[in-house]
């Protein structure tokens, strides 16, 4: 056994070589697959859709915010990997009573790279993370941009909810040449009147958690001033940290080039 401090500052006593791991976050599940954990991962959430093979075959332990505690206990895990934003504090506190529960806190690209190194360490597969870490650091290197493109990014409707500062999506977009016009932290409710007042150049409609569609895009285009460009964006590529960033960062850089041009 050994003691580590997770990104939330919690001291956790972990097995040196955990053999029965449960992941409670889709992007972290994808990371565990990338690191080659294979059969050592015994449980995932119903939202852990990548890789598809794991989604079909691994035991599902509920949703990120609606965990099936009895299923989790029945799997007899020796390590649970959770996230401060995705999972409920009450669930983490309950789980931590009987199994080490390591909680990540990812808000920036730097945090995301650090997560890869930390997860590889606690899973005892550090050597397998080197190539991924190197690739992510190269992609995350600062880039010169001719100008910032002002944006707002919606994740929900009825009510509309946007991403504010202190979110990973905010930092992914800011690093790609965009400037968030939403003057709040986290995920505030917003109105169309506020969006008009803040005057983003582009309003991004995410494919998750709410599945915005072409119909929503057309409706908002009809309600907002013509100078606001309403576009649909891939929520996974904008918000999943870990291996998905290998595609997400170039995706956002390409979106910037298209809009700037």
Foldseek 3Di string as FASTA:
>chain_A
DDWDQFQVRDIWDADQAWQEEEELDQLVVLLCVLLPNPNSHQEYACPNCPPVVCNVPHHHQYHSADGNVVVVVVSVGQEYEHEPPRHDPVVQVVVVVRHTYHYAYDAALVSLLVVSQVVCRRNVRNVSSVVQSVLSVVLQPADDDPAAAEEWEWADVPPTKTADHSHHLQNLLVSLRYDYLPHDHGIDGDDLVVCQVSDGQEYEYECPPPHDDVVNQVVVCVVHDVSYHYYYDYNCLRHRGDPSVSVNNVVSNVVCVVVVD
